[in-house]
Amino acid sequence: MAASQNKREQYLRENCNATEAELAYIQSIVQLKQPYFGRAIPSSSRPSEILDSWLYQGNWQQANNSTLLDSLSITHIVNATDRTLVDQLREVHHISSKNGRLAELSPFFQSTNEFLDKCHEQGCRVLVHCERGVSRSSTIVLAYLMHHKRWTVAQAFEYLLTRRQQASPNHVLLLQLVRYENELNKTHSE
């Protein structure tokens, strides 16, 4: 486990110019998942309810299940995959994103947050999804929680884990969230 952590840190240093402070913060965020290691994740064919019966997080299959979306009254979708949803009658905010280390979601945080704010103000229900509902969709949801609730990455992740235990942004995406937290702190202090 230490070897894989060292490889991840080396990758972040060399390819993302991560500082030691950022790496330490990422490690503390990852530790929040510790209580969930070894636990069976509840199997569910339904997306996780994240906020007050209006914000949900799920996967590709759920986003393509019109019957399920209708049963939850979902009217809007944030699609964080590089695929197009089939036969979709809902308003979709599409973020074309690669999976894995190449994912770059931070350029989409503002537009996604604006989309989600608008949906919330209009009383709409939204599903945020990626392929498996684990990394990219969690990153988008975390960025929104940080924006909407003015939480740190750690506070947002701790909350998200209570709603969706399988939430697990990769380390590159966590670094983007750490940097987004710094941006939000500057904006809020001005």
Protein backbone atom coordinates (compact mmCIF):
# COMPACT_ATOMS: atom_id res chain seq x y z
CA MET A 1 0.00 0.00 0.00
CA ALA A 2 2.86 2.38 0.80
CA ALA A 3 4.42 1.70 -2.61
CA SER A 4 1.22 2.62 -4.46
CA GLN A 5 0.86 5.76 -2.32
CA ASN A 6 4.44 6.75 -3.17
CA LYS A 7 3.74 6.22 -6.88
CA ARG A 8 0.61 8.38 -6.68
CA GLU A 9 2.47 11.12 -4.85
CA GLN A 10 5.34 10.97 -7.33
CA TYR A 11 2.87 11.23 -10.22
CA LEU A 12 1.17 14.25 -8.61
CA ARG A 13 4.53 15.95 -7.97
CA GLU A 14 5.88 15.36 -11.47
CA ASN A 15 2.75 15.80 -13.58
CA CYS A 16 0.58 18.17 -11.54
CA ASN A 17 3.22 20.15 -9.61
CA ALA A 18 1.63 19.15 -6.31
CA THR A 19 3.21 20.69 -3.23
CA GLU A 20 4.01 18.78 -0.05
CA ALA A 21 1.18 20.64 1.72
CA GLU A 22 -1.28 19.58 -1.00
CA LEU A 23 -0.10 15.97 -0.80
CA ALA A 24 -0.46 15.95 2.99
CA TYR A 25 -3.98 17.39 2.71
CA ILE A 26 -4.95 14.80 0.11
CA GLN A 27 -3.67 12.05 2.38
CA SER A 28 -5.78 13.39 5.27
CA ILE A 29 -8.84 13.42 3.00
CA VAL A 30 -8.20 9.84 1.88
CA GLN A 31 -8.01 8.81 5.55
CA LEU A 32 -11.65 9.88 5.97
CA LYS A 33 -12.54 6.77 4.00
CA GLN A 34 -10.76 4.52 6.54
CA PRO A 35 -13.90 3.69 8.59
CA TYR A 36 -15.56 2.42 5.39
CA PHE A 37 -12.74 0.06 4.32
CA GLY A 38 -13.80 -3.56 4.55
CA ARG A 39 -17.48 -2.69 4.86
CA ALA A 40 -19.86 -4.10 2.34
CA ILE A 41 -21.23 -1.29 0.25
CA PRO A 42 -25.00 -1.57 0.08
CA SER A 43 -26.01 -2.75 -3.36
CA SER A 44 -28.64 -0.51 -4.79
CA SER A 45 -30.19 -0.06 -8.17
CA ARG A 46 -31.11 3.47 -7.11
CA PRO A 47 -28.88 6.55 -7.05
CA SER A 48 -27.82 7.97 -3.70
CA GLU A 49 -29.76 10.94 -2.37
CA ILE A 50 -27.17 13.60 -1.54
CA LEU A 51 -29.15 16.73 -0.69
CA ASP A 52 -32.75 17.23 0.43
CA SER A 53 -34.55 15.09 -2.16
CA TRP A 54 -33.21 17.09 -5.08
CA LEU A 55 -29.55 16.15 -5.69
CA TYR A 56 -28.73 12.53 -6.48
CA GLN A 57 -25.54 10.75 -7.49
CA GLY A 58 -25.39 7.59 -9.53
CA ASN A 59 -23.91 5.69 -12.43
CA TRP A 60 -24.32 5.32 -16.19
CA GLN A 61 -26.93 2.55 -15.98
CA GLN A 62 -29.13 4.59 -13.64
CA ALA A 63 -28.86 7.65 -15.89
CA ASN A 64 -30.11 5.56 -18.82
CA ASN A 65 -33.04 4.06 -16.90
CA SER A 66 -36.00 6.32 -17.74
CA THR A 67 -38.36 4.38 -15.47
CA LEU A 68 -36.04 4.90 -12.50
CA LEU A 69 -35.53 8.59 -13.30
CA ASP A 70 -39.29 9.08 -13.64
CA SER A 71 -39.89 7.37 -10.28
CA LEU A 72 -37.50 9.86 -8.64
CA SER A 73 -38.94 12.80 -10.62
CA ILE A 74 -35.47 13.62 -11.96
CA THR A 75 -35.72 16.36 -14.58
CA HIS A 76 -32.05 17.28 -15.07
CA ILE A 77 -28.81 15.31 -15.43
CA VAL A 78 -25.12 16.14 -15.13
CA ASN A 79 -23.34 13.61 -17.35
CA ALA A 80 -19.64 13.33 -16.43
CA THR A 81 -18.74 10.69 -19.02
CA ASP A 82 -17.51 10.88 -22.59
CA ARG A 83 -20.70 9.11 -23.76
CA THR A 84 -24.06 10.50 -24.79
CA LEU A 85 -27.16 9.35 -22.95
CA VAL A 86 -29.62 7.43 -25.11
CA ASP A 87 -33.28 8.34 -25.52
CA GLN A 88 -33.12 11.18 -23.00
CA LEU A 89 -35.96 13.65 -22.54
CA ARG A 90 -34.33 15.45 -19.62
CA GLU A 91 -32.13 18.54 -19.69
CA VAL A 92 -28.54 17.32 -19.68
CA HIS A 93 -25.43 19.28 -18.72
CA HIS A 94 -22.69 17.24 -20.39
CA ILE A 95 -19.09 17.29 -19.24
CA SER A 96 -16.98 15.32 -21.68
CA SER A 97 -14.37 13.82 -19.42
CA LYS A 98 -11.85 11.05 -19.68
CA ASN A 99 -11.63 8.56 -16.86
CA GLY A 100 -8.53 8.01 -14.75
CA ARG A 101 -5.46 10.16 -14.40
CA LEU A 102 -6.27 12.21 -17.48
CA ALA A 103 -9.52 13.55 -16.05
CA GLU A 104 -9.59 17.32 -15.84
CA LEU A 105 -12.80 18.44 -14.18
CA SER A 106 -11.84 21.73 -12.51
CA PRO A 107 -12.59 23.79 -15.66
CA PHE A 108 -16.20 22.59 -15.34
CA PHE A 109 -16.74 23.36 -11.65
CA GLN A 110 -18.18 26.84 -12.21
CA SER A 111 -20.58 25.90 -15.02
CA THR A 112 -21.71 22.78 -13.19
CA ASN A 113 -22.26 24.70 -9.96
CA GLU A 114 -24.28 27.32 -11.85
CA PHE A 115 -26.37 24.56 -13.46
CA LEU A 116 -27.01 22.90 -10.09
CA ASP A 117 -27.79 26.25 -8.40
CA LYS A 118 -30.33 27.01 -11.12
CA CYS A 119 -31.91 23.57 -10.75
CA HIS A 120 -32.13 23.98 -6.98
CA GLU A 121 -33.69 27.45 -7.26
CA GLN A 122 -36.29 26.11 -9.72
CA GLY A 123 -37.15 23.11 -7.54
CA CYS A 124 -35.80 20.56 -10.02
CA ARG A 125 -34.32 17.17 -9.19
CA VAL A 126 -30.89 16.36 -10.59
CA LEU A 127 -28.82 13.22 -11.09
CA VAL A 128 -25.04 13.66 -11.29
CA HIS A 129 -23.47 10.56 -12.80
CA CYS A 130 -20.32 9.12 -14.30
CA GLU A 131 -19.57 5.59 -15.48
CA ARG A 132 -19.60 3.83 -12.09
CA GLY A 133 -20.73 6.69 -9.84
CA VAL A 134 -17.47 6.64 -7.90
CA SER A 135 -14.84 9.17 -8.97
CA ARG A 136 -15.88 11.83 -11.50
CA SER A 137 -19.46 12.22 -10.28
CA SER A 138 -18.17 12.38 -6.69
CA THR A 139 -15.78 15.15 -7.73
CA ILE A 140 -18.61 17.19 -9.27
CA VAL A 141 -20.80 16.65 -6.20
CA LEU A 142 -17.94 17.57 -3.84
CA ALA A 143 -17.22 20.77 -5.78
CA TYR A 144 -20.89 21.67 -5.50
CA LEU A 145 -21.04 20.94 -1.76
CA MET A 146 -17.96 23.12 -1.27
CA HIS A 147 -19.58 25.94 -3.25
CA HIS A 148 -23.13 25.58 -1.91
CA LYS A 149 -22.35 24.87 1.76
CA ARG A 150 -18.98 26.71 1.89
CA TRP A 151 -17.35 23.54 3.13
CA THR A 152 -13.75 22.41 2.82
CA VAL A 153 -12.96 19.36 0.70
CA ALA A 154 -12.61 17.35 3.90
CA GLN A 155 -16.00 18.49 5.26
CA ALA A 156 -17.71 17.81 1.94
CA PHE A 157 -16.09 14.37 1.57
CA GLU A 158 -16.96 13.38 5.12
CA TYR A 159 -20.60 14.31 4.43
CA LEU A 160 -20.66 12.60 1.03
CA LEU A 161 -19.38 9.34 2.52
CA THR A 162 -22.42 9.25 4.82
CA ARG A 163 -24.63 9.41 1.71
CA ARG A 164 -22.57 7.40 -0.78
CA GLN A 165 -19.96 5.09 0.73
CA GLN A 166 -18.46 4.20 -2.63
CA ALA A 167 -17.53 7.85 -3.32
CA SER A 168 -13.83 7.86 -4.10
CA PRO A 169 -12.33 10.54 -6.36
CA ASN A 170 -8.92 9.61 -7.68
CA HIS A 171 -5.91 11.53 -6.39
CA VAL A 172 -5.66 13.80 -9.45
CA LEU A 173 -9.27 14.86 -8.91
CA LEU A 174 -8.68 15.32 -5.18
CA LEU A 175 -5.80 17.66 -6.04
CA GLN A 176 -8.15 19.65 -8.27
CA LEU A 177 -10.61 19.90 -5.37
CA VAL A 178 -7.86 21.01 -2.95
CA ARG A 179 -6.93 23.78 -5.38
CA TYR A 180 -10.59 24.67 -5.84
CA GLU A 181 -10.92 25.02 -2.07
CA ASN A 182 -8.08 27.55 -2.16
CA GLU A 183 -9.85 29.47 -4.94
CA LEU A 184 -13.10 29.52 -2.97
CA ASN A 185 -11.29 30.71 0.16
CA LYS A 186 -9.81 33.63 -1.80
CA THR A 187 -13.21 34.50 -3.27
CA HIS A 188 -14.96 34.34 0.11
CA SER A 189 -12.32 36.49 1.82
CA GLU A 190 -12.56 39.30 -0.76
